[in-house]
Amino acid sequence: MTQPAKTLQIRSLVRRSGELELSLHEEALPLPAANEVVVRVEAAPMNPSDLGLLFGGADLRTAKASGTAERPVVTAAIPEAAMKSMAARMDQSMPVGNEGAGVVVAAGSSPGAQALLGRAVAMIGGAMYTQYRCIDVAQCLALPPDATPAEGASSFVNPLTALGMVETLRREGHKALVHTAAASNLGQMLNRICIQDGIPLVNIVRRKEQEELLRGLGAKYVCNTASPTFMDELTEALAATGATLAFDATGGGKLAGQILNAMEAALNRTATEYSRYGSTTHKQVYIYGGLDRGPTEFTRGFGMAWGMGGWLLFPFLQKIGAEGLQRLKDRVAAELKTTFASRYTKEVSMAQALSLEEIAVYSKQATGEKYLLNPTR
């Protein structure tokens, strides 16, 4: 097909006046360079990391709609406290969407680019909430011949995050994992990886139905924070697995500290002598999300051998280098429809994604309720 001259994309603008503006913006589409391809985007997941950029800290209770059905505009007030973290993006109209998938409709002259012409590919690199995306072939993953763009849309962020957690475990010398918000798409992937690789995994959820879901998927250790005996159950699971590494998606609240305290309690069961400094085994919690926007609170009952810090996918991928990344990508491609399969609750067009009705649903980032954007609709 002839390459379009323009593409329509979702943009997010934070004004210095303290207002967020979401709109559909028409952008010129460049001709692909030698090692680039142009992809007709047919699917892009609406991940929590995407929504952070999209909404820019705005109070969505103040959201108002204007524009037309084809070109909607949404505005909302941004609290003064949130504006402090928006300094670097003031008055910049920013494209949204970390990853997506579609069909290559034009290609540059290099053999690598030409080999993808007509193929379905997954992509990572930002600006995916768009009809067409010009991108370097190094940022593409050729999908298996029987895979659709919808099946490949989440080939990067969740799969590589889950694999990155397991890789971190191995590199840091731990033998078992703890994961919160474990019933999410990412959590289900991690559960499948750990079962396949023989790694004990302690799953932490918030609701009974999430607990039942994971047990139905073969999870052995599932702890529900709503249980009145949650800390006892968590300690038992940690004692059974020996887990000393956790990845926490909630960020705020007391959960990260509770995990460290339960790790210490589990380790002390086998202690042969008392130490006022606690166990000598290092316990680590990495916060990689912010489902709870409140402060992170903890009571130090876990000795001195501990750590709590942030973990982010892209710096991790830089750390493991191109060879390590390719190894992970190869596994994702080989297990796209099994280990790394994703489920979405609804597919929406770009105009629908900017409707107040849909924003009210997907902005909640509820576990197991992920939206899929289809710019061709």
Protein backbone atom coordinates (compact mmCIF):
# COMPACT_ATOMS: atom_id res chain seq x y z
CA MET A 1 0.00 0.00 0.00
CA THR A 2 1.01 3.65 -0.42
CA GLN A 3 2.36 5.11 2.80
CA PRO A 4 0.04 7.76 4.32
CA ALA A 5 1.47 11.26 4.64
CA LYS A 6 -0.08 11.86 8.07
CA THR A 7 -1.10 9.98 11.20
CA LEU A 8 -3.54 10.75 13.98
CA GLN A 9 -2.28 10.26 17.52
CA ILE A 10 -3.34 10.82 21.14
CA ARG A 11 -1.49 13.72 22.80
CA SER A 12 -1.21 14.78 26.44
CA LEU A 13 -0.45 18.41 27.31
CA VAL A 14 0.23 19.86 30.76
CA ARG A 15 -0.25 23.63 30.76
CA ARG A 16 1.55 25.95 33.14
CA SER A 17 -1.87 27.15 34.22
CA GLY A 18 -2.38 23.77 35.95
CA GLU A 19 -4.60 22.16 33.33
CA LEU A 20 -4.29 18.83 31.53
CA GLU A 21 -5.47 18.63 27.93
CA LEU A 22 -5.96 15.36 26.03
CA SER A 23 -6.64 15.50 22.31
CA LEU A 24 -6.17 13.84 18.92
CA HIS A 25 -3.36 15.47 16.98
CA GLU A 26 -2.54 15.11 13.28
CA GLU A 27 1.18 14.56 12.71
CA ALA A 28 3.29 14.29 9.55
CA LEU A 29 4.51 10.74 8.95
CA PRO A 30 8.17 10.59 7.86
CA LEU A 31 9.48 8.31 5.15
CA PRO A 32 11.37 5.40 6.72
CA ALA A 33 15.16 5.60 6.82
CA ALA A 34 17.19 2.61 5.64
CA ASN A 35 16.75 0.66 8.88
CA GLU A 36 13.21 1.80 9.70
CA VAL A 37 9.70 0.54 8.98
CA VAL A 38 6.26 2.13 9.01
CA VAL A 39 3.72 0.12 10.98
CA ARG A 40 -0.07 0.42 10.82
CA VAL A 41 -0.81 0.20 14.54
CA GLU A 42 -3.70 -2.16 15.26
CA ALA A 43 -3.30 -2.75 19.00
CA ALA A 44 -1.67 -0.96 21.94
CA PRO A 45 -2.20 -1.85 25.62
CA MET A 46 -3.12 0.83 28.12
CA ASN A 47 -0.53 0.02 30.78
CA PRO A 48 -0.25 1.84 34.15
CA SER A 49 3.01 3.41 32.93
CA ASP A 50 1.16 4.82 29.91
CA LEU A 51 -1.65 6.21 32.04
CA GLY A 52 0.85 8.07 34.24
CA LEU A 53 2.01 10.03 31.18
CA LEU A 54 -1.47 10.33 29.72
CA PHE A 55 -3.11 11.85 32.79
CA GLY A 56 -0.15 13.82 34.15
CA GLY A 57 -1.25 13.78 37.78
CA ALA A 58 -4.62 15.40 36.99
CA ASP A 59 -7.63 15.08 39.25
CA LEU A 60 -9.92 13.21 36.87
CA ARG A 61 -12.96 14.06 38.98
CA THR A 62 -12.66 17.52 37.39
CA ALA A 63 -12.49 16.18 33.82
CA LYS A 64 -14.60 17.92 31.17
CA ALA A 65 -15.26 16.95 27.55
CA SER A 66 -15.40 19.21 24.50
CA GLY A 67 -14.52 19.01 20.80
CA THR A 68 -16.39 16.66 18.46
CA ALA A 69 -17.16 12.94 18.41
CA GLU A 70 -14.31 12.41 15.92
CA ARG A 71 -11.89 14.84 17.61
CA PRO A 72 -12.71 14.85 21.33
CA VAL A 73 -10.84 17.04 23.80
CA VAL A 74 -10.64 16.33 27.52
CA THR A 75 -9.44 18.84 30.12
CA ALA A 76 -8.89 18.39 33.86
CA ALA A 77 -7.33 20.32 36.71
CA ILE A 78 -3.94 19.27 38.06
CA PRO A 79 -3.48 19.75 41.83
CA GLU A 80 -0.73 22.15 42.79
CA ALA A 81 1.22 19.40 44.57
CA ALA A 82 1.26 17.29 41.40
CA MET A 83 2.44 20.21 39.26
CA LYS A 84 5.85 20.13 40.95
CA SER A 85 6.67 16.80 39.31
CA MET A 86 5.45 18.05 35.90
CA ALA A 87 8.11 20.77 35.50
CA ALA A 88 10.01 18.97 32.74
CA ARG A 89 6.95 18.59 30.50
CA MET A 90 5.24 21.98 30.86
CA ASP A 91 3.48 23.17 27.68
CA GLN A 92 4.78 20.20 25.67
CA SER A 93 2.26 18.20 23.67
CA MET A 94 3.45 14.64 24.32
CA PRO A 95 2.62 11.42 22.44
CA VAL A 96 1.58 8.44 24.57
CA GLY A 97 1.93 4.66 24.53
CA ASN A 98 5.05 2.61 25.30
CA GLU A 99 4.29 -0.42 23.15
CA GLY A 100 2.00 -1.73 20.45
CA ALA A 101 1.69 -4.02 17.46
CA GLY A 102 0.57 -3.87 13.86
CA VAL A 103 1.47 -4.63 10.27
CA VAL A 104 4.48 -3.19 8.42
CA VAL A 105 3.19 -1.20 5.43
CA ALA A 106 6.43 0.46 4.30
CA ALA A 107 10.11 -0.31 4.84
CA GLY A 108 13.51 1.25 4.38
CA SER A 109 16.16 -0.14 2.07
CA SER A 110 18.11 -2.30 4.55
CA PRO A 111 17.67 -6.11 4.39
CA GLY A 112 16.39 -6.13 7.97
CA ALA A 113 13.68 -3.57 7.18
CA GLN A 114 12.69 -5.21 3.90
CA ALA A 115 12.35 -8.59 5.65
CA LEU A 116 9.56 -7.17 7.82
CA LEU A 117 7.45 -5.72 4.98
CA GLY A 118 3.93 -7.13 5.26
CA ARG A 119 4.73 -8.85 8.59
CA ALA A 120 2.94 -8.38 11.88
CA VAL A 121 5.34 -6.95 14.47
CA ALA A 122 5.33 -5.83 18.07
CA MET A 123 7.08 -2.54 18.90
CA ILE A 124 8.43 -0.57 21.82
CA GLY A 125 9.61 3.02 21.79
CA GLY A 126 6.79 5.39 22.75
CA ALA A 127 4.13 7.25 20.72
CA MET A 128 2.16 4.04 20.08
CA TYR A 129 -1.30 5.55 20.50
CA THR A 130 -1.28 6.46 16.82
CA GLN A 131 -2.54 5.17 13.50
CA TYR A 132 0.95 4.73 11.99
CA ARG A 133 4.38 4.54 13.59
CA CYS A 134 7.78 4.94 11.90
CA ILE A 135 10.32 3.00 13.96
CA ASP A 136 13.76 1.38 13.84
CA VAL A 137 13.75 -2.38 13.22
CA ALA A 138 15.80 -2.86 16.42
CA GLN A 139 12.70 -1.80 18.35
CA CYS A 140 10.51 -4.38 16.61
CA LEU A 141 9.78 -8.03 17.30
CA ALA A 142 8.51 -10.09 14.38
CA LEU A 143 5.43 -11.97 15.56
CA PRO A 144 4.90 -15.67 14.79
CA PRO A 145 2.94 -16.16 11.51
CA ASP A 146 -0.18 -17.28 13.38
CA ALA A 147 -0.18 -14.38 15.87
CA THR A 148 -2.41 -11.32 15.52
CA PRO A 149 -1.36 -7.77 16.49
CA ALA A 150 -3.78 -7.97 19.44
CA GLU A 151 -1.98 -11.08 20.68
CA GLY A 152 1.39 -9.36 20.27
CA ALA A 153 0.48 -5.93 21.60
CA SER A 154 1.87 -6.60 25.09
CA SER A 155 5.07 -8.32 23.98
CA PHE A 156 7.45 -5.96 25.74
CA VAL A 157 6.49 -4.17 28.97
CA ASN A 158 4.81 -6.97 30.94
CA PRO A 159 6.77 -9.94 29.53
CA LEU A 160 10.16 -8.25 29.87
CA THR A 161 9.26 -6.95 33.34
CA ALA A 162 8.31 -10.45 34.50
CA LEU A 163 11.43 -11.97 32.93
CA GLY A 164 13.47 -9.10 34.40
CA MET A 165 12.25 -9.99 37.88
CA VAL A 166 13.39 -13.58 37.44
CA GLU A 167 16.70 -12.42 35.95
CA THR A 168 17.21 -10.09 38.95
CA LEU A 169 16.56 -13.01 41.30
CA ARG A 170 19.27 -15.06 39.60
CA ARG A 171 21.79 -12.22 39.40
CA GLU A 172 21.36 -11.27 43.06
CA GLY A 173 21.48 -14.84 44.37
CA HIS A 174 17.94 -15.24 45.71
CA LYS A 175 16.00 -18.50 45.39
CA ALA A 176 12.34 -17.45 45.56
CA LEU A 177 10.16 -14.42 44.78
CA VAL A 178 7.31 -12.41 46.28
CA HIS A 179 5.03 -10.40 44.01
CA THR A 180 2.17 -8.04 44.87
CA ALA A 181 -0.87 -7.22 42.70
CA ALA A 182 -0.27 -10.78 41.58
CA ALA A 183 -3.57 -11.35 39.75
CA SER A 184 -2.72 -8.74 37.10
CA ASN A 185 -1.72 -9.65 33.54
CA LEU A 186 1.89 -9.24 34.62
CA GLY A 187 1.33 -11.30 37.75
CA GLN A 188 -0.22 -14.15 35.79
CA MET A 189 2.75 -14.12 33.38
CA LEU A 190 5.20 -14.21 36.30
CA ASN A 191 3.28 -17.12 37.83
CA ARG A 192 3.55 -19.09 34.58
CA ILE A 193 7.28 -18.30 34.25
CA CYS A 194 8.02 -19.39 37.82
CA ILE A 195 6.07 -22.62 37.44
CA GLN A 196 7.90 -23.38 34.20
CA ASP A 197 11.34 -22.46 35.60
CA GLY A 198 10.83 -24.14 38.99
CA ILE A 199 11.07 -20.92 41.03
CA PRO A 200 8.93 -20.73 44.20
CA LEU A 201 6.64 -17.69 44.03
CA VAL A 202 4.58 -16.08 46.78
CA ASN A 203 1.63 -14.21 45.25
CA ILE A 204 -0.03 -11.38 47.21
CA VAL A 205 -3.56 -10.31 46.23
CA ARG A 206 -6.34 -8.19 47.70
CA ARG A 207 -9.53 -10.14 46.99
CA LYS A 208 -10.86 -13.69 47.33
CA GLU A 209 -11.67 -14.00 43.61
CA GLN A 210 -8.07 -13.05 42.75
CA GLU A 211 -6.82 -15.72 45.13
CA GLU A 212 -9.06 -18.31 43.47
CA LEU A 213 -7.97 -17.19 39.99
CA LEU A 214 -4.28 -17.72 40.75
CA ARG A 215 -4.83 -21.04 42.48
CA GLY A 216 -6.75 -22.13 39.38
CA LEU A 217 -3.66 -21.22 37.34
CA GLY A 218 -1.48 -23.48 39.46
CA ALA A 219 -0.13 -20.99 42.02
CA LYS A 220 0.89 -22.79 45.24
CA TYR A 221 1.39 -19.82 47.54
CA VAL A 222 -1.30 -17.11 47.47
CA CYS A 223 -1.76 -14.66 50.37
CA ASN A 224 -4.73 -12.30 50.59
CA THR A 225 -4.16 -8.96 52.35
CA ALA A 226 -7.87 -8.92 53.25
CA SER A 227 -7.45 -12.02 55.41
CA PRO A 228 -7.37 -11.36 59.18
CA THR A 229 -4.42 -13.77 59.38
CA PHE A 230 -2.56 -12.31 56.38
CA MET A 231 0.76 -11.77 58.18
CA ASP A 232 0.76 -15.30 59.60
CA GLU A 233 -0.05 -16.76 56.18
CA LEU A 234 2.63 -14.63 54.51
CA THR A 235 5.24 -15.69 57.08
CA GLU A 236 4.35 -19.35 56.54
CA ALA A 237 4.73 -18.98 52.76
CA LEU A 238 8.07 -17.21 53.15
CA ALA A 239 9.34 -19.86 55.53
CA ALA A 240 8.31 -22.58 53.07
CA THR A 241 9.91 -20.92 50.03
CA GLY A 242 12.85 -19.07 51.55
CA ALA A 243 11.92 -15.98 49.53
CA THR A 244 14.07 -12.94 50.32
CA LEU A 245 13.27 -10.86 47.21
CA ALA A 246 9.99 -9.04 46.54
CA PHE A 247 8.61 -6.85 43.77
CA ASP A 248 5.88 -4.49 44.92
CA ALA A 249 3.47 -2.87 42.46
CA THR A 250 1.55 -0.88 45.07
CA GLY A 251 4.37 1.41 46.21
CA GLY A 252 2.48 3.31 48.88
CA GLY A 253 1.06 2.05 52.16
CA LYS A 254 2.44 -0.57 54.55
CA LEU A 255 2.75 -3.63 52.32
CA ALA A 256 6.46 -3.35 51.45
CA GLY A 257 7.33 -3.06 55.15
CA GLN A 258 5.03 -5.95 56.04
CA ILE A 259 6.84 -8.15 53.53
CA LEU A 260 10.24 -7.31 55.03
CA ASN A 261 8.97 -7.99 58.55
CA ALA A 262 7.49 -11.33 57.48
CA MET A 263 10.79 -12.26 55.75
CA GLU A 264 12.64 -11.54 59.00
CA ALA A 265 10.14 -13.58 61.03
CA ALA A 266 10.50 -16.50 58.63
CA LEU A 267 14.32 -16.36 58.79
CA ASN A 268 14.33 -16.20 62.59
CA ARG A 269 12.58 -19.57 62.76
CA THR A 270 15.85 -21.25 61.85
CA ALA A 271 18.18 -18.90 63.73
CA THR A 272 20.61 -20.73 66.04
CA GLU A 273 21.53 -17.71 68.16
CA TYR A 274 20.11 -14.30 69.03
CA SER A 275 21.43 -11.13 67.39
CA ARG A 276 20.17 -7.69 68.27
CA TYR A 277 20.93 -6.69 64.66
CA GLY A 278 18.56 -9.29 63.24
CA SER A 279 19.26 -11.94 60.65
CA THR A 280 22.35 -11.62 58.48
CA THR A 281 20.47 -12.66 55.33
CA HIS A 282 19.78 -9.72 53.05
CA LYS A 283 16.10 -9.06 52.38
CA GLN A 284 15.18 -6.88 49.40
CA VAL A 285 11.95 -5.23 48.26
CA TYR A 286 11.87 -3.45 44.90
CA ILE A 287 9.03 -1.02 44.30
CA TYR A 288 8.21 -0.97 40.60
CA GLY A 289 4.72 0.58 40.56
CA GLY A 290 2.50 3.13 42.23
CA LEU A 291 -1.00 1.68 42.51
CA ASP A 292 -1.14 3.26 45.98
CA ARG A 293 -0.17 6.94 45.61
CA GLY A 294 0.21 7.45 49.36
CA PRO A 295 3.51 7.47 51.27
CA THR A 296 5.44 4.23 51.76
CA GLU A 297 5.22 3.36 55.47
CA PHE A 298 7.14 0.73 57.39
CA THR A 299 8.06 -0.20 60.94
CA ARG A 300 11.61 -1.50 61.21
CA GLY A 301 11.30 -4.93 62.71
CA PHE A 302 13.50 -6.62 60.14
CA GLY A 303 17.05 -6.11 61.42
CA MET A 304 19.82 -4.36 59.51
CA ALA A 305 20.28 -6.62 56.46
CA TRP A 306 17.63 -5.20 54.18
CA GLY A 307 17.01 -2.93 51.25
CA MET A 308 14.08 -1.08 49.73
CA GLY A 309 14.40 0.73 46.43
CA GLY A 310 13.02 1.31 42.99
CA TRP A 311 13.16 -1.03 39.98
CA LEU A 312 12.40 0.11 36.45
CA LEU A 313 12.37 -1.99 33.30
CA PHE A 314 14.32 0.20 30.90
CA PRO A 315 17.38 0.81 33.14
CA PHE A 316 17.40 -2.94 33.80
CA LEU A 317 17.43 -3.71 30.07
CA GLN A 318 20.34 -1.32 29.60
CA LYS A 319 22.18 -3.17 32.36
CA ILE A 320 21.84 -6.60 30.72
CA GLY A 321 22.86 -5.28 27.28
CA ALA A 322 21.79 -6.14 23.75
CA GLU A 323 22.65 -9.84 24.01
CA GLY A 324 20.70 -10.28 27.24
CA LEU A 325 17.73 -8.38 25.82
CA GLN A 326 17.67 -10.50 22.67
CA ARG A 327 17.61 -13.66 24.77
CA LEU A 328 14.54 -12.41 26.61
CA LYS A 329 12.84 -11.28 23.39
CA ASP A 330 13.43 -14.69 21.81
CA ARG A 331 11.67 -16.37 24.71
CA VAL A 332 8.72 -13.97 24.47
CA ALA A 333 8.31 -14.72 20.75
CA ALA A 334 8.52 -18.48 21.33
CA GLU A 335 5.94 -18.44 24.15
CA LEU A 336 3.71 -15.56 23.01
CA LYS A 337 0.46 -17.55 23.11
CA THR A 338 1.22 -19.48 26.28
CA THR A 339 3.46 -18.01 28.98
CA PHE A 340 3.07 -14.43 27.77
CA ALA A 341 -0.56 -14.39 26.68
CA SER A 342 -2.48 -11.26 27.76
CA ARG A 343 -6.17 -10.72 28.42
CA TYR A 344 -8.05 -7.44 27.90
CA THR A 345 -11.48 -6.49 29.17
CA LYS A 346 -12.32 -4.07 26.36
CA GLU A 347 -11.03 -2.78 23.02
CA VAL A 348 -11.55 0.91 22.26
CA SER A 349 -10.83 3.38 19.45
CA MET A 350 -8.74 6.50 20.04
CA ALA A 351 -11.88 8.65 20.23
CA GLN A 352 -13.47 6.23 22.71
CA ALA A 353 -10.29 6.29 24.81
CA LEU A 354 -10.87 10.05 25.26
CA SER A 355 -14.49 9.70 26.36
CA LEU A 356 -15.22 10.52 29.99
CA GLU A 357 -17.18 7.27 30.36
CA GLU A 358 -14.23 5.08 29.37
CA ILE A 359 -11.65 7.18 31.22
CA ALA A 360 -13.65 6.68 34.42
CA VAL A 361 -13.16 2.91 34.01
CA TYR A 362 -9.62 2.37 32.77
CA SER A 363 -8.06 5.16 34.86
CA LYS A 364 -8.77 3.10 38.00
CA GLN A 365 -6.07 0.62 36.92
CA ALA A 366 -8.05 -2.17 38.54
CA THR A 367 -6.28 -5.53 38.63
CA GLY A 368 -7.33 -7.70 35.70
CA GLU A 369 -9.18 -4.90 33.89
CA LYS A 370 -6.83 -3.71 31.17
CA TYR A 371 -7.98 -1.88 28.03
CA LEU A 372 -6.62 -2.41 24.53
CA LEU A 373 -6.46 0.55 22.15
CA ASN A 374 -7.13 -0.13 18.45
CA PRO A 375 -6.29 3.00 16.39
CA THR A 376 -7.80 1.44 13.23
CA ARG A 377 -11.33 1.44 14.71
